[in-house]
Amino acid sequence: MPIIRLEMFEGRTTEQKREFVEVMTRETCRILTCKPEDVNIVIDEVARSRWATGGTLWSDKAPK
């Protein structure tokens, strides 16, 4: 039973997440030869104020 965990900043649309889980499930089944119902995907969305890189919160960085 593969479990795929994804951590990312919040803000993606439901459609983007839907496409991600569909593609990841399909490719996981293809590569690992398992059934789609055996694939679990957990998406943890994190606020930029709760994620830091290089000692700086992402919420403090200038948007790109």
Protein backbone atom coordinates (compact mmCIF):
# COMPACT_ATOMS: atom_id res chain seq x y z
CA MET A 1 0.00 0.00 0.00
CA PRO A 2 1.99 3.02 -1.20
CA ILE A 3 1.49 6.21 0.78
CA ILE A 4 2.61 9.43 -0.89
CA ARG A 5 2.92 12.53 1.31
CA LEU A 6 3.12 15.98 -0.23
CA GLU A 7 3.85 19.14 1.73
CA MET A 8 3.38 22.41 -0.10
CA PHE A 9 2.34 26.00 0.44
CA GLU A 10 -1.39 26.52 0.61
CA GLY A 11 -3.11 28.17 -2.31
CA ARG A 12 -3.40 25.55 -5.05
CA THR A 13 -6.86 25.02 -6.46
CA THR A 14 -8.91 21.89 -5.98
CA GLU A 15 -8.56 21.24 -9.72
CA GLN A 16 -4.74 21.34 -9.44
CA LYS A 17 -4.81 18.92 -6.50
CA ARG A 18 -7.28 16.67 -8.33
CA GLU A 19 -5.01 16.49 -11.37
CA PHE A 20 -1.98 15.83 -9.17
CA VAL A 21 -3.59 12.89 -7.35
CA GLU A 22 -4.93 11.39 -10.59
CA VAL A 23 -1.52 11.52 -12.30
CA MET A 24 0.42 10.36 -9.24
CA THR A 25 -1.96 7.45 -8.69
CA ARG A 26 -1.79 6.37 -12.33
CA GLU A 27 2.01 6.56 -12.47
CA THR A 28 2.45 4.89 -9.09
CA CYS A 29 0.31 1.97 -10.29
CA ARG A 30 2.24 1.76 -13.54
CA ILE A 31 5.65 1.74 -11.88
CA LEU A 32 4.86 -0.31 -8.76
CA THR A 33 2.26 -2.59 -10.37
CA CYS A 34 -0.44 -1.99 -7.79
CA LYS A 35 -4.15 -1.16 -7.91
CA PRO A 36 -5.39 2.44 -7.73
CA GLU A 37 -7.38 1.68 -4.58
CA ASP A 38 -4.10 0.73 -2.87
CA VAL A 39 -2.52 4.16 -3.42
CA ASN A 40 -2.95 6.75 -0.68
CA ILE A 41 -1.96 10.38 -1.12
CA VAL A 42 -1.89 12.86 1.76
CA ILE A 43 -1.61 16.56 0.95
CA ASP A 44 -0.49 18.83 3.79
CA GLU A 45 -0.88 22.50 2.98
CA VAL A 46 1.33 24.81 5.01
CA ALA A 47 0.96 28.56 5.46
CA ARG A 48 4.01 30.56 4.36
CA SER A 49 4.21 31.91 7.91
CA ARG A 50 4.89 28.36 9.15
CA TRP A 51 7.70 27.47 6.71
CA ALA A 52 11.23 28.83 6.74
CA THR A 53 14.27 28.36 4.55
CA GLY A 54 17.70 29.71 5.37
CA GLY A 55 16.47 31.26 8.61
CA THR A 56 13.74 33.34 6.94
CA LEU A 57 10.01 32.72 6.99
CA TRP A 58 8.55 32.47 3.50
CA SER A 59 5.91 35.01 4.53
CA ASP A 60 8.74 37.54 5.01
CA LYS A 61 10.21 36.99 1.55
CA ALA A 62 9.31 39.24 -1.35
CA PRO A 63 6.90 37.52 -3.78
CA LYS A 64 8.46 36.34 -7.04
